[in-house]
Amino acid sequence: MDHTELAWEFAELFAELEVEEINEVLAKNVPMGTLDFFQKYGEDFGRAAGIDGTALARLPNLLLMGYLIRVLEERLIDGGGQGSGA
């Protein structure tokens, strides 16, 4: 599985999860300090880049999703589960 396929699978999986399930995934995989960082960084970066409205509000979540995909990639690589697309 290549990076693009992994990202699509991840996005489709998250789209099917309930809020409680998403919170559980975050609690198990993302330290609270990291969540705070993405919230603050997303807001600061978005404002500096002239982003506003709902896009600004969603930017921290987008950054967090990228982080989670990267964590998953690293776990797959460390576990030897690169698949045939790598």
N, C-alpha and C. Protein backbone atom coordinates (compact mmCIF):
# COMPACT_ATOMS: atom_id res chain seq x y z
N MET A 1 0.86 -1.18 0.00
CA MET A 1 0.00 0.00 0.00
C MET A 1 0.90 1.23 0.00
N ASP A 2 0.64 2.16 -0.91
CA ASP A 2 1.46 3.37 -0.95
C ASP A 2 0.84 4.44 -0.05
N HIS A 3 1.51 5.59 0.05
CA HIS A 3 1.09 6.66 0.95
C HIS A 3 -0.32 7.18 0.62
N THR A 4 -0.62 7.32 -0.65
CA THR A 4 -1.93 7.82 -1.05
C THR A 4 -3.04 6.85 -0.67
N GLU A 5 -2.81 5.58 -0.94
CA GLU A 5 -3.81 4.57 -0.59
C GLU A 5 -4.02 4.51 0.93
N LEU A 6 -2.94 4.62 1.66
CA LEU A 6 -3.04 4.61 3.12
C LEU A 6 -3.86 5.80 3.61
N ALA A 7 -3.61 6.97 3.05
CA ALA A 7 -4.35 8.16 3.46
C ALA A 7 -5.84 8.02 3.15
N TRP A 8 -6.18 7.48 1.98
CA TRP A 8 -7.59 7.31 1.64
C TRP A 8 -8.26 6.30 2.56
N GLU A 9 -7.59 5.19 2.83
CA GLU A 9 -8.14 4.19 3.75
C GLU A 9 -8.37 4.80 5.12
N PHE A 10 -7.42 5.58 5.57
CA PHE A 10 -7.52 6.23 6.87
C PHE A 10 -8.71 7.19 6.90
N ALA A 11 -8.85 8.01 5.87
CA ALA A 11 -9.95 8.97 5.81
C ALA A 11 -11.30 8.26 5.78
N GLU A 12 -11.39 7.18 5.01
CA GLU A 12 -12.65 6.43 4.94
C GLU A 12 -12.97 5.79 6.28
N LEU A 13 -11.97 5.27 6.97
CA LEU A 13 -12.18 4.68 8.28
C LEU A 13 -12.70 5.73 9.27
N PHE A 14 -12.05 6.89 9.30
CA PHE A 14 -12.46 7.95 10.21
C PHE A 14 -13.87 8.45 9.90
N ALA A 15 -14.26 8.47 8.65
CA ALA A 15 -15.59 8.93 8.28
C ALA A 15 -16.68 8.01 8.84
N GLU A 16 -16.33 6.75 9.09
CA GLU A 16 -17.29 5.78 9.60
C GLU A 16 -17.36 5.75 11.13
N LEU A 17 -16.41 6.39 11.81
CA LEU A 17 -16.35 6.33 13.26
C LEU A 17 -17.31 7.31 13.91
N GLU A 18 -17.84 6.91 15.06
CA GLU A 18 -18.63 7.79 15.90
C GLU A 18 -17.68 8.70 16.68
N VAL A 19 -18.19 9.80 17.23
CA VAL A 19 -17.37 10.75 17.98
C VAL A 19 -16.63 10.05 19.12
N GLU A 20 -17.31 9.17 19.84
CA GLU A 20 -16.68 8.47 20.96
C GLU A 20 -15.51 7.61 20.49
N GLU A 21 -15.66 6.99 19.33
CA GLU A 21 -14.59 6.15 18.78
C GLU A 21 -13.40 7.00 18.35
N ILE A 22 -13.66 8.15 17.77
CA ILE A 22 -12.58 9.06 17.38
C ILE A 22 -11.84 9.53 18.62
N ASN A 23 -12.58 9.89 19.66
CA ASN A 23 -11.94 10.31 20.91
C ASN A 23 -11.07 9.21 21.49
N GLU A 24 -11.52 7.97 21.39
CA GLU A 24 -10.72 6.83 21.88
C GLU A 24 -9.43 6.67 21.08
N VAL A 25 -9.52 6.80 19.76
CA VAL A 25 -8.33 6.72 18.90
C VAL A 25 -7.34 7.82 19.28
N LEU A 26 -7.85 9.04 19.47
CA LEU A 26 -6.98 10.15 19.84
C LEU A 26 -6.34 9.92 21.20
N ALA A 27 -7.13 9.47 22.17
CA ALA A 27 -6.60 9.25 23.52
C ALA A 27 -5.50 8.20 23.53
N LYS A 28 -5.61 7.20 22.67
CA LYS A 28 -4.63 6.11 22.64
C LYS A 28 -3.38 6.45 21.84
N ASN A 29 -3.48 7.44 20.95
CA ASN A 29 -2.38 7.66 20.01
C ASN A 29 -1.77 9.05 20.02
N VAL A 30 -2.40 10.01 20.69
CA VAL A 30 -1.90 11.38 20.63
C VAL A 30 -1.81 11.95 22.05
N PRO A 31 -0.62 12.31 22.49
CA PRO A 31 -0.49 12.93 23.81
C PRO A 31 -1.25 14.26 23.87
N MET A 32 -1.74 14.61 25.04
CA MET A 32 -2.52 15.84 25.21
C MET A 32 -1.72 17.07 24.78
N GLY A 33 -0.44 17.09 25.07
CA GLY A 33 0.40 18.22 24.65
C GLY A 33 0.44 18.37 23.14
N THR A 34 0.40 17.25 22.42
CA THR A 34 0.39 17.29 20.96
C THR A 34 -0.93 17.84 20.45
N LEU A 35 -2.03 17.44 21.08
CA LEU A 35 -3.33 17.98 20.70
C LEU A 35 -3.37 19.49 20.90
N ASP A 36 -2.86 19.94 22.04
CA ASP A 36 -2.80 21.38 22.32
C ASP A 36 -1.95 22.11 21.29
N PHE A 37 -0.80 21.50 20.94
CA PHE A 37 0.09 22.10 19.95
C PHE A 37 -0.63 22.31 18.62
N PHE A 38 -1.30 21.26 18.12
CA PHE A 38 -1.97 21.38 16.83
C PHE A 38 -3.08 22.42 16.87
N GLN A 39 -3.78 22.51 17.98
CA GLN A 39 -4.84 23.52 18.11
C GLN A 39 -4.26 24.93 18.02
N LYS A 40 -3.23 25.19 18.81
CA LYS A 40 -2.63 26.52 18.82
C LYS A 40 -1.90 26.84 17.52
N TYR A 41 -1.13 25.88 17.02
CA TYR A 41 -0.39 26.10 15.78
C TYR A 41 -1.33 26.32 14.61
N GLY A 42 -2.38 25.51 14.53
CA GLY A 42 -3.34 25.66 13.44
C GLY A 42 -4.00 27.03 13.44
N GLU A 43 -4.39 27.48 14.62
CA GLU A 43 -5.01 28.81 14.71
C GLU A 43 -4.02 29.91 14.34
N ASP A 44 -2.81 29.85 14.89
CA ASP A 44 -1.80 30.88 14.60
C ASP A 44 -1.41 30.88 13.13
N PHE A 45 -1.15 29.69 12.58
CA PHE A 45 -0.75 29.60 11.18
C PHE A 45 -1.88 30.07 10.27
N GLY A 46 -3.10 29.64 10.57
CA GLY A 46 -4.24 30.02 9.75
C GLY A 46 -4.45 31.52 9.71
N ARG A 47 -4.37 32.16 10.87
CA ARG A 47 -4.54 33.62 10.91
C ARG A 47 -3.42 34.32 10.13
N ALA A 48 -2.19 33.85 10.32
CA ALA A 48 -1.05 34.46 9.62
C ALA A 48 -1.17 34.27 8.11
N ALA A 49 -1.80 33.19 7.68
CA ALA A 49 -1.96 32.91 6.25
C ALA A 49 -3.24 33.53 5.68
N GLY A 50 -4.00 34.24 6.52
CA GLY A 50 -5.22 34.89 6.05
C GLY A 50 -6.40 33.95 5.91
N ILE A 51 -6.35 32.82 6.59
CA ILE A 51 -7.45 31.86 6.56
C ILE A 51 -8.44 32.26 7.65
N ASP A 52 -9.73 32.18 7.33
CA ASP A 52 -10.73 32.51 8.34
C ASP A 52 -11.95 31.61 8.21
N GLY A 53 -12.93 31.84 9.06
CA GLY A 53 -14.19 31.09 9.00
C GLY A 53 -14.02 29.62 9.34
N THR A 54 -14.81 28.79 8.65
CA THR A 54 -14.79 27.36 8.95
C THR A 54 -13.46 26.71 8.56
N ALA A 55 -12.80 27.25 7.55
CA ALA A 55 -11.49 26.70 7.17
C ALA A 55 -10.49 26.86 8.31
N LEU A 56 -10.51 28.01 8.97
CA LEU A 56 -9.63 28.24 10.11
C LEU A 56 -9.98 27.30 11.26
N ALA A 57 -11.26 27.10 11.49
CA ALA A 57 -11.69 26.23 12.58
C ALA A 57 -11.31 24.77 12.33
N ARG A 58 -11.26 24.37 11.07
CA ARG A 58 -10.95 22.98 10.72
C ARG A 58 -9.45 22.71 10.53
N LEU A 59 -8.65 23.73 10.41
CA LEU A 59 -7.23 23.56 10.15
C LEU A 59 -6.53 22.71 11.21
N PRO A 60 -6.74 22.93 12.50
CA PRO A 60 -6.08 22.06 13.48
C PRO A 60 -6.44 20.58 13.31
N ASN A 61 -7.68 20.30 12.94
CA ASN A 61 -8.09 18.91 12.71
C ASN A 61 -7.38 18.32 11.50
N LEU A 62 -7.21 19.11 10.47
CA LEU A 62 -6.50 18.65 9.28
C LEU A 62 -5.05 18.33 9.61
N LEU A 63 -4.42 19.21 10.37
CA LEU A 63 -3.04 18.96 10.79
C LEU A 63 -2.94 17.69 11.63
N LEU A 64 -3.90 17.50 12.51
CA LEU A 64 -3.93 16.32 13.36
C LEU A 64 -4.11 15.05 12.53
N MET A 65 -4.94 15.09 11.52
CA MET A 65 -5.13 13.93 10.65
C MET A 65 -3.82 13.56 9.95
N GLY A 66 -3.10 14.57 9.47
CA GLY A 66 -1.81 14.31 8.86
C GLY A 66 -0.85 13.67 9.83
N TYR A 67 -0.86 14.14 11.06
CA TYR A 67 -0.01 13.56 12.11
C TYR A 67 -0.37 12.10 12.35
N LEU A 68 -1.66 11.81 12.44
CA LEU A 68 -2.10 10.43 12.69
C LEU A 68 -1.73 9.50 11.54
N ILE A 69 -1.85 10.00 10.32
CA ILE A 69 -1.44 9.18 9.17
C ILE A 69 0.05 8.89 9.24
N ARG A 70 0.83 9.88 9.62
CA ARG A 70 2.28 9.68 9.72
C ARG A 70 2.62 8.67 10.83
N VAL A 71 1.93 8.76 11.96
CA VAL A 71 2.13 7.79 13.04
C VAL A 71 1.82 6.39 12.54
N LEU A 72 0.72 6.24 11.81
CA LEU A 72 0.34 4.94 11.27
C LEU A 72 1.40 4.42 10.30
N GLU A 73 1.89 5.29 9.43
CA GLU A 73 2.95 4.89 8.49
C GLU A 73 4.17 4.39 9.24
N GLU A 74 4.58 5.12 10.28
CA GLU A 74 5.76 4.72 11.04
C GLU A 74 5.54 3.37 11.72
N ARG A 75 4.35 3.15 12.25
CA ARG A 75 4.06 1.87 12.90
C ARG A 75 4.07 0.73 11.89
N LEU A 76 3.55 0.98 10.71
CA LEU A 76 3.57 -0.06 9.68
C LEU A 76 4.98 -0.37 9.23
N ILE A 77 5.80 0.66 9.10
CA ILE A 77 7.19 0.46 8.69
C ILE A 77 7.96 -0.27 9.79
N ASP A 78 7.81 0.18 11.03
CA ASP A 78 8.50 -0.46 12.16
C ASP A 78 8.05 -1.90 12.34
N GLY A 79 6.79 -2.17 12.01
CA GLY A 79 6.26 -3.52 12.17
C GLY A 79 6.51 -4.40 10.95
N GLY A 80 7.16 -3.84 9.94
CA GLY A 80 7.46 -4.64 8.74
C GLY A 80 6.28 -4.76 7.81
N GLY A 81 5.21 -4.02 8.02
CA GLY A 81 4.01 -4.13 7.22
C GLY A 81 3.94 -3.12 6.11
N GLN A 82 5.01 -2.97 5.33
CA GLN A 82 5.03 -1.97 4.28
C GLN A 82 4.11 -2.33 3.13
N GLY A 83 3.84 -3.56 2.91
CA GLY A 83 2.98 -3.97 1.80
C GLY A 83 3.71 -3.96 0.48
N SER A 84 3.02 -4.31 -0.58
CA SER A 84 3.66 -4.43 -1.88
C SER A 84 3.84 -3.09 -2.59
N GLY A 85 3.16 -2.02 -2.13
CA GLY A 85 3.25 -0.74 -2.81
C GLY A 85 4.43 0.08 -2.39
N ALA A 86 5.18 -0.34 -1.39
CA ALA A 86 6.30 0.46 -0.89
C ALA A 86 7.59 0.11 -1.56
